[in-house]
Amino acid sequence: MTHEDVSCPYCGTYQDINHDDGYGYEEDVKHEQQCNNCDKYFTYTTSIVYYYEAEKADCLNGDEHDWEPTHTYPKEFTKMECTYCGERREPNEEEWKDILEE
C-alpha cells in the first residue's frame, strides 16, 4: 500500500514527505522539498490534527474496575490495569498467585 502526503504544486505528482531526523513535523513553518518527478523545489507547511475516540468507563461512574494483569517481562513487574480507565495498581496476593502460575 502506498501512502502519499502531498501533490507537487508544479506537476501534480504525489510525494512522500521525508521526515528523516524529524524534519517537516514543526507546525506553521515552511519546509522545503524537491519533487522526485519534475525536480522543482516546493514548500509545505505541517498541520497536526487530533482525533479523539470516546469509550465508556463505567468504573469512573461507580461501577467496579475490570482488572487484568499487564503483559510484562519479567513477571515480577506486572501491574493490574483496568481495561476501562487504564488505572494501574499492584496485584493482591491472590492475583500474584494466578500471574506466577501462567
C-alpha atoms as a PDB file:
ATOM      1  CA  MET A   1       0.000   0.000   0.000  1.00  0.00           C
ATOM      2  CA  THR A   2       1.380   3.402  -0.967  1.00  0.00           C
ATOM      3  CA  HIS A   3       0.855   6.487   1.131  1.00  0.00           C
ATOM      4  CA  GLU A   4       1.494   9.872  -0.435  1.00  0.00           C
ATOM      5  CA  ASP A   5       1.478  13.035   1.644  1.00  0.00           C
ATOM      6  CA  VAL A   6       1.167  15.910  -0.883  1.00  0.00           C
ATOM      7  CA  SER A   7       0.971  16.651  -4.597  1.00  0.00           C
ATOM      8  CA  CYS A   8       3.769  18.640  -6.226  1.00  0.00           C
ATOM      9  CA  PRO A   9       2.296  22.084  -6.968  1.00  0.00           C
ATOM     10  CA  TYR A  10       4.150  22.120 -10.328  1.00  0.00           C
ATOM     11  CA  CYS A  11       3.487  18.736 -11.923  1.00  0.00           C
ATOM     12  CA  GLY A  12       0.859  17.171  -9.628  1.00  0.00           C
ATOM     13  CA  THR A  13       2.898  14.052  -8.822  1.00  0.00           C
ATOM     14  CA  TYR A  14       2.188  12.681  -5.357  1.00  0.00           C
ATOM     15  CA  GLN A  15       5.098  12.970  -2.954  1.00  0.00           C
ATOM     16  CA  ASP A  16       6.035  11.315   0.302  1.00  0.00           C
ATOM     17  CA  ILE A  17       7.295  13.860   2.807  1.00  0.00           C
ATOM     18  CA  ASN A  18      10.719  12.829   4.071  1.00  0.00           C
ATOM     19  CA  HIS A  19      10.745  13.128   7.853  1.00  0.00           C
ATOM     20  CA  ASP A  20      14.338  11.942   8.409  1.00  0.00           C
ATOM     21  CA  ASP A  21      15.636  13.267  11.716  1.00  0.00           C
ATOM     22  CA  GLY A  22      12.205  14.758  12.476  1.00  0.00           C
ATOM     23  CA  TYR A  23      12.328  17.266   9.613  1.00  0.00           C
ATOM     24  CA  GLY A  24       8.963  18.604   8.495  1.00  0.00           C
ATOM     25  CA  TYR A  25       6.987  17.976  11.674  1.00  0.00           C
ATOM     26  CA  GLU A  26       7.194  21.501  13.099  1.00  0.00           C
ATOM     27  CA  GLU A  27       3.874  23.306  12.642  1.00  0.00           C
ATOM     28  CA  ASP A  28       3.415  26.679  10.930  1.00  0.00           C
ATOM     29  CA  VAL A  29       6.916  26.635   9.417  1.00  0.00           C
ATOM     30  CA  LYS A  30       7.631  26.487   5.679  1.00  0.00           C
ATOM     31  CA  HIS A  31       9.578  23.337   4.859  1.00  0.00           C
ATOM     32  CA  GLU A  32      11.249  22.650   1.507  1.00  0.00           C
ATOM     33  CA  GLN A  33      11.212  19.533  -0.625  1.00  0.00           C
ATOM     34  CA  GLN A  34      12.279  18.643  -4.141  1.00  0.00           C
ATOM     35  CA  CYS A  35       9.808  16.838  -6.389  1.00  0.00           C
ATOM     36  CA  ASN A  36      11.010  13.377  -7.379  1.00  0.00           C
ATOM     37  CA  ASN A  37       9.359  13.773 -10.795  1.00  0.00           C
ATOM     38  CA  CYS A  38       9.988  17.327 -12.129  1.00  0.00           C
ATOM     39  CA  ASP A  39      12.929  18.136  -9.791  1.00  0.00           C
ATOM     40  CA  LYS A  40      11.417  21.511  -8.833  1.00  0.00           C
ATOM     41  CA  TYR A  41      11.503  22.642  -5.226  1.00  0.00           C
ATOM     42  CA  PHE A  42       8.319  23.489  -3.388  1.00  0.00           C
ATOM     43  CA  THR A  43       7.390  24.376   0.182  1.00  0.00           C
ATOM     44  CA  TYR A  44       4.832  22.877   2.501  1.00  0.00           C
ATOM     45  CA  THR A  45       3.557  23.543   5.997  1.00  0.00           C
ATOM     46  CA  THR A  46       2.577  20.932   8.539  1.00  0.00           C
ATOM     47  CA  SER A  47      -0.702  20.850  10.446  1.00  0.00           C
ATOM     48  CA  ILE A  48      -1.293  18.333  13.193  1.00  0.00           C
ATOM     49  CA  VAL A  49      -4.839  17.034  13.556  1.00  0.00           C
ATOM     50  CA  TYR A  50      -6.024  15.314  16.708  1.00  0.00           C
ATOM     51  CA  TYR A  51      -8.620  12.570  16.581  1.00  0.00           C
ATOM     52  CA  TYR A  52     -10.444  11.514  19.721  1.00  0.00           C
ATOM     53  CA  GLU A  53     -12.429   8.356  20.299  1.00  0.00           C
ATOM     54  CA  ALA A  54     -14.671   8.107  23.357  1.00  0.00           C
ATOM     55  CA  GLU A  55     -15.270   4.876  25.258  1.00  0.00           C
ATOM     56  CA  LYS A  56     -17.446   4.074  28.224  1.00  0.00           C
ATOM     57  CA  ALA A  57     -15.641   3.860  31.562  1.00  0.00           C
ATOM     58  CA  ASP A  58     -18.327   2.679  33.949  1.00  0.00           C
ATOM     59  CA  CYS A  59     -15.777   2.307  36.745  1.00  0.00           C
ATOM     60  CA  LEU A  60     -15.450   6.110  36.798  1.00  0.00           C
ATOM     61  CA  ASN A  61     -19.187   6.260  37.451  1.00  0.00           C
ATOM     62  CA  GLY A  62     -19.432   3.982  40.475  1.00  0.00           C
ATOM     63  CA  ASP A  63     -19.122   0.517  38.884  1.00  0.00           C
ATOM     64  CA  GLU A  64     -16.297  -1.952  39.509  1.00  0.00           C
ATOM     65  CA  HIS A  65     -12.964  -1.782  37.695  1.00  0.00           C
ATOM     66  CA  ASP A  66     -12.183  -4.597  35.243  1.00  0.00           C
ATOM     67  CA  TRP A  67      -8.679  -5.559  36.412  1.00  0.00           C
ATOM     68  CA  GLU A  68      -6.366  -7.506  34.103  1.00  0.00           C
ATOM     69  CA  PRO A  69      -2.645  -8.189  34.578  1.00  0.00           C
ATOM     70  CA  THR A  70      -0.279  -6.340  32.269  1.00  0.00           C
ATOM     71  CA  HIS A  71       1.876  -8.471  29.990  1.00  0.00           C
ATOM     72  CA  THR A  72       5.229  -7.582  31.479  1.00  0.00           C
ATOM     73  CA  TYR A  73       8.613  -9.246  31.486  1.00  0.00           C
ATOM     74  CA  PRO A  74       9.839 -10.207  33.952  1.00  0.00           C
ATOM     75  CA  LYS A  75       6.546 -11.118  35.594  1.00  0.00           C
ATOM     76  CA  GLU A  76       7.671  -9.542  38.873  1.00  0.00           C
ATOM     77  CA  PHE A  77       6.967  -6.116  37.326  1.00  0.00           C
ATOM     78  CA  THR A  78       3.354  -6.984  36.457  1.00  0.00           C
ATOM     79  CA  LYS A  79       0.680  -4.488  37.460  1.00  0.00           C
ATOM     80  CA  MET A  80      -3.080  -4.804  37.410  1.00  0.00           C
ATOM     81  CA  GLU A  81      -4.676  -2.454  34.872  1.00  0.00           C
ATOM     82  CA  CYS A  82      -8.333  -1.569  34.442  1.00  0.00           C
ATOM     83  CA  THR A  83      -9.435  -2.302  30.877  1.00  0.00           C
ATOM     84  CA  TYR A  84     -11.926   0.584  31.048  1.00  0.00           C
ATOM     85  CA  CYS A  85      -9.992   3.534  32.507  1.00  0.00           C
ATOM     86  CA  GLY A  86      -6.337   2.464  32.404  1.00  0.00           C
ATOM     87  CA  GLU A  87      -5.755   2.892  36.153  1.00  0.00           C
ATOM     88  CA  ARG A  88      -2.957   0.683  37.470  1.00  0.00           C
ATOM     89  CA  ARG A  89      -2.281  -0.849  40.859  1.00  0.00           C
ATOM     90  CA  GLU A  90      -0.168  -3.558  42.466  1.00  0.00           C
ATOM     91  CA  PRO A  91      -1.622  -7.094  42.317  1.00  0.00           C
ATOM     92  CA  ASN A  92      -3.015  -8.543  45.528  1.00  0.00           C
ATOM     93  CA  GLU A  93      -1.838 -11.919  46.897  1.00  0.00           C
ATOM     94  CA  GLU A  94      -4.463 -13.953  45.021  1.00  0.00           C
ATOM     95  CA  GLU A  95      -3.715 -12.166  41.741  1.00  0.00           C
ATOM     96  CA  TRP A  96       0.041 -12.762  42.215  1.00  0.00           C
ATOM     97  CA  LYS A  97      -0.610 -16.492  42.536  1.00  0.00           C
ATOM     98  CA  ASP A  98      -2.506 -16.509  39.220  1.00  0.00           C
ATOM     99  CA  ILE A  99       0.116 -14.358  37.485  1.00  0.00           C
ATOM    100  CA  LEU A 100       3.048 -16.515  38.578  1.00  0.00           C
ATOM    101  CA  GLU A 101       1.253 -19.730  37.530  1.00  0.00           C
ATOM    102  CA  GLU A 102       0.813 -18.556  33.924  1.00  0.00           C
END
